[in-house]
Amino acid sequence: MGESVRVLIADDHPLFRMGLSLALGAEGFEVVGEAESGRQAAERCAQGDVDVVLMDVKMPDMDGIEACRRVTAEEEVPVVVMLTTFEEPAIVQAARDAGATAFLSKETEPRELARLLRAILAQSERDWMPRVELPELTPREGQVLRLMARGLSNKAIAKELGLSPETVKDYLLGAFRKLDVRDRVSAVRRATELGLV
């Protein structure tokens, strides 16, 4: 990698992209492109002249997690840094699983962001992804929990999934235990905090 670090900014907000581009340019980075969707980001990275992608999580067409997965599956892989306001543990874990190198907040000051990017590039052996511990819900527990979060009663969930209300109750109790909560409201709140719903 040469002295000039080539950066792609992937975010669906034009003003944010413009501001970040100006800030990084002032810090000596070369912004080689911008993308307003995950699909655009993946296609632009395929050209092979990007060292770092600053990737938002929530974007139209294809989200940042899927775009990260596609980018890191290529032969020439740039460093993918998730730069976002979403810090729920499930999203952090999904970004880690997709191959992201780091997870940084959009609240980071431009000069600090530049310092962190240089550190990330210079110290690739360090783990820059936050460690998260998520409760291991079964697929069915997660499904029942998501339907409950949409406001469905046990009876409605049972009808939706073709289960008995008693079975739904068992799945919910299992999810409650793993989330360390005792009722529906607390379960939804906890699952939302963790990014599970």
Protein backbone atom coordinates (compact mmCIF):
# COMPACT_ATOMS: atom_id res chain seq x y z
CA MET A 1 0.00 0.00 0.00
CA GLY A 2 1.38 3.40 -0.96
CA GLU A 3 1.64 6.50 1.18
CA SER A 4 -1.74 7.79 0.01
CA VAL A 5 -4.56 5.72 1.49
CA ARG A 6 -7.41 5.31 -1.01
CA VAL A 7 -10.81 5.52 0.68
CA LEU A 8 -14.32 4.70 -0.50
CA ILE A 9 -17.17 6.27 1.49
CA ALA A 10 -20.40 4.24 1.46
CA ASP A 11 -23.35 6.07 3.04
CA ASP A 12 -26.81 6.99 1.81
CA HIS A 13 -26.64 10.60 3.08
CA PRO A 14 -25.00 12.94 0.51
CA LEU A 15 -24.13 15.67 3.02
CA PHE A 16 -22.45 13.16 5.33
CA ARG A 17 -20.41 11.74 2.43
CA MET A 18 -19.38 15.22 1.33
CA GLY A 19 -18.38 16.31 4.84
CA LEU A 20 -16.44 13.11 5.49
CA SER A 21 -14.72 13.36 2.11
CA LEU A 22 -13.56 16.92 2.86
CA ALA A 23 -12.44 15.98 6.38
CA LEU A 24 -10.44 12.95 5.22
CA GLY A 25 -8.92 14.91 2.34
CA ALA A 26 -7.71 17.51 4.82
CA GLU A 27 -6.08 14.69 6.81
CA GLY A 28 -4.16 13.38 3.79
CA PHE A 29 -6.43 10.55 2.66
CA GLU A 30 -7.42 10.14 -0.99
CA VAL A 31 -11.16 9.67 -1.38
CA VAL A 32 -11.43 7.68 -4.61
CA GLY A 33 -15.17 7.25 -4.62
CA GLU A 34 -18.52 7.45 -2.93
CA ALA A 35 -21.43 5.01 -2.86
CA GLU A 36 -25.00 5.63 -1.75
CA SER A 37 -25.93 1.96 -1.42
CA GLY A 38 -24.32 -1.30 -0.40
CA ARG A 39 -24.58 -2.59 -3.97
CA GLN A 40 -22.72 0.45 -5.33
CA ALA A 41 -20.04 -0.01 -2.67
CA ALA A 42 -19.50 -3.68 -3.57
CA GLU A 43 -19.35 -2.87 -7.29
CA ARG A 44 -16.90 0.01 -6.74
CA CYS A 45 -14.61 -2.17 -4.58
CA ALA A 46 -14.51 -4.79 -7.33
CA GLN A 47 -12.45 -2.32 -9.39
CA GLY A 48 -9.56 -3.06 -7.03
CA ASP A 49 -8.22 0.43 -6.27
CA VAL A 50 -9.66 0.87 -2.76
CA ASP A 51 -7.61 0.45 0.42
CA VAL A 52 -10.33 1.27 2.97
CA VAL A 53 -14.12 1.29 2.81
CA LEU A 54 -16.02 3.37 5.37
CA MET A 55 -19.34 1.53 5.32
CA ASP A 56 -22.64 2.54 6.91
CA VAL A 57 -24.88 -0.28 8.14
CA LYS A 58 -28.30 0.92 7.00
CA MET A 59 -28.39 1.70 3.27
CA PRO A 60 -30.92 1.12 0.49
CA ASP A 61 -30.70 -1.61 -2.14
CA MET A 62 -28.22 -3.64 -0.06
CA ASP A 63 -27.26 -2.98 3.56
CA GLY A 64 -23.70 -2.48 4.73
CA ILE A 65 -23.44 -5.94 6.31
CA GLU A 66 -24.23 -7.75 3.05
CA ALA A 67 -22.01 -5.34 1.11
CA CYS A 68 -19.18 -6.06 3.56
CA ARG A 69 -19.71 -9.79 3.06
CA ARG A 70 -19.44 -9.37 -0.72
CA VAL A 71 -16.41 -7.07 -0.55
CA THR A 72 -14.45 -9.37 1.76
CA ALA A 73 -15.22 -12.38 -0.43
CA GLU A 74 -13.18 -10.91 -3.30
CA GLU A 75 -9.51 -11.70 -3.99
CA GLU A 76 -8.22 -8.16 -3.35
CA VAL A 77 -9.88 -7.22 -0.09
CA PRO A 78 -9.83 -3.64 1.21
CA VAL A 79 -10.12 -2.96 4.91
CA VAL A 80 -13.81 -2.55 5.73
CA VAL A 81 -14.57 -0.17 8.59
CA MET A 82 -18.20 0.04 9.65
CA LEU A 83 -18.87 3.72 10.41
CA THR A 84 -22.36 3.96 11.82
CA THR A 85 -24.75 5.08 14.55
CA PHE A 86 -26.01 1.51 15.04
CA GLU A 87 -24.12 -0.18 17.88
CA GLU A 88 -26.48 -3.00 18.87
CA PRO A 89 -24.53 -6.17 19.73
CA ALA A 90 -26.30 -8.23 17.06
CA ILE A 91 -25.25 -5.72 14.38
CA VAL A 92 -21.67 -5.65 15.65
CA GLN A 93 -21.59 -9.46 15.57
CA ALA A 94 -23.07 -9.52 12.06
CA ALA A 95 -20.40 -7.08 10.88
CA ARG A 96 -17.67 -9.23 12.46
CA ASP A 97 -19.09 -12.34 10.78
CA ALA A 98 -19.20 -10.49 7.44
CA GLY A 99 -15.47 -9.72 7.65
CA ALA A 100 -15.40 -6.11 8.87
CA THR A 101 -12.07 -5.06 10.39
CA ALA A 102 -13.39 -2.33 12.68
CA PHE A 103 -16.60 -0.81 14.00
CA LEU A 104 -16.52 2.95 14.66
CA SER A 105 -19.14 5.51 15.62
CA LYS A 106 -20.20 8.36 13.35
CA GLU A 107 -19.80 10.56 16.42
CA THR A 108 -15.99 10.22 16.11
CA GLU A 109 -14.22 13.54 15.51
CA PRO A 110 -12.61 13.78 12.03
CA ARG A 111 -9.04 14.04 13.34
CA GLU A 112 -9.60 11.10 15.69
CA LEU A 113 -11.14 9.11 12.84
CA ALA A 114 -8.05 9.76 10.71
CA ARG A 115 -5.82 8.65 13.59
CA LEU A 116 -7.87 5.49 14.11
CA LEU A 117 -7.83 4.64 10.40
CA ARG A 118 -4.03 4.92 10.31
CA ALA A 119 -3.77 2.76 13.43
CA ILE A 120 -6.13 0.16 11.96
CA LEU A 121 -4.07 0.01 8.76
CA ALA A 122 -0.76 -0.14 10.62
CA GLN A 123 -1.81 -2.70 13.23
CA SER A 124 -3.87 -5.26 11.36
CA GLU A 125 -3.17 -7.88 14.03
CA ARG A 126 -5.19 -6.02 16.66
CA ASP A 127 -8.86 -6.89 17.02
CA TRP A 128 -10.70 -3.63 16.37
CA MET A 129 -14.16 -5.15 16.60
CA PRO A 130 -15.95 -4.84 19.95
CA ARG A 131 -16.52 -8.16 21.71
CA VAL A 132 -20.18 -9.00 22.09
CA GLU A 133 -22.02 -11.70 23.93
CA LEU A 134 -25.44 -12.51 22.57
CA PRO A 135 -27.90 -14.98 24.06
CA GLU A 136 -28.04 -18.08 21.88
CA LEU A 137 -31.69 -18.23 20.93
CA THR A 138 -32.85 -21.14 18.81
CA PRO A 139 -34.19 -20.13 15.36
CA ARG A 140 -37.75 -20.82 16.56
CA GLU A 141 -37.28 -18.78 19.77
CA GLY A 142 -36.02 -15.88 17.68
CA GLN A 143 -38.95 -16.21 15.28
CA VAL A 144 -41.50 -16.26 18.11
CA LEU A 145 -39.77 -13.31 19.81
CA ARG A 146 -39.87 -11.23 16.62
CA LEU A 147 -43.58 -11.92 16.15
CA MET A 148 -44.22 -11.00 19.77
CA ALA A 149 -42.30 -7.75 19.24
CA ARG A 150 -44.71 -6.96 16.39
CA GLY A 151 -47.53 -7.09 18.97
CA LEU A 152 -48.93 -10.53 18.21
CA SER A 153 -50.54 -12.50 21.03
CA ASN A 154 -49.50 -16.08 21.78
CA LYS A 155 -52.63 -17.26 19.99
CA ALA A 156 -51.85 -15.18 16.90
CA ILE A 157 -48.22 -16.35 16.90
CA ALA A 158 -49.42 -19.95 17.16
CA LYS A 159 -51.71 -19.45 14.17
CA GLU A 160 -48.96 -17.74 12.16
CA LEU A 161 -46.45 -20.55 12.77
CA GLY A 162 -48.82 -23.50 12.86
CA LEU A 163 -48.06 -24.28 16.50
CA SER A 164 -50.16 -24.70 19.61
CA PRO A 165 -50.39 -21.72 22.02
CA GLU A 166 -48.75 -23.91 24.69
CA THR A 167 -45.74 -24.54 22.42
CA VAL A 168 -45.48 -20.81 21.71
CA LYS A 169 -45.51 -20.16 25.46
CA ASP A 170 -42.69 -22.70 25.93
CA TYR A 171 -40.58 -20.98 23.25
CA LEU A 172 -41.21 -17.58 24.82
CA LEU A 173 -40.27 -18.84 28.28
CA GLY A 174 -37.04 -20.24 26.83
CA ALA A 175 -36.29 -16.87 25.20
CA PHE A 176 -37.15 -15.01 28.43
CA ARG A 177 -34.71 -17.22 30.36
CA LYS A 178 -31.89 -16.57 27.89
CA LEU A 179 -32.61 -12.83 27.83
CA ASP A 180 -32.80 -12.80 31.66
CA VAL A 181 -36.25 -11.15 31.69
CA ARG A 182 -39.62 -12.09 33.16
CA ASP A 183 -42.26 -10.52 30.93
CA ARG A 184 -43.12 -9.59 27.35
CA VAL A 185 -42.36 -5.87 27.65
CA SER A 186 -38.93 -6.47 29.17
CA ALA A 187 -38.20 -9.14 26.56
CA VAL A 188 -38.98 -6.78 23.68
CA ARG A 189 -36.92 -4.00 25.26
CA ARG A 190 -33.93 -6.31 25.85
CA ALA A 191 -34.15 -7.91 22.40
CA THR A 192 -34.30 -4.45 20.81
CA GLU A 193 -31.26 -3.27 22.77
CA LEU A 194 -29.34 -6.32 21.55
CA GLY A 195 -30.51 -5.84 17.98
CA LEU A 196 -32.31 -9.20 17.91
CA VAL A 197 -35.60 -7.67 16.74
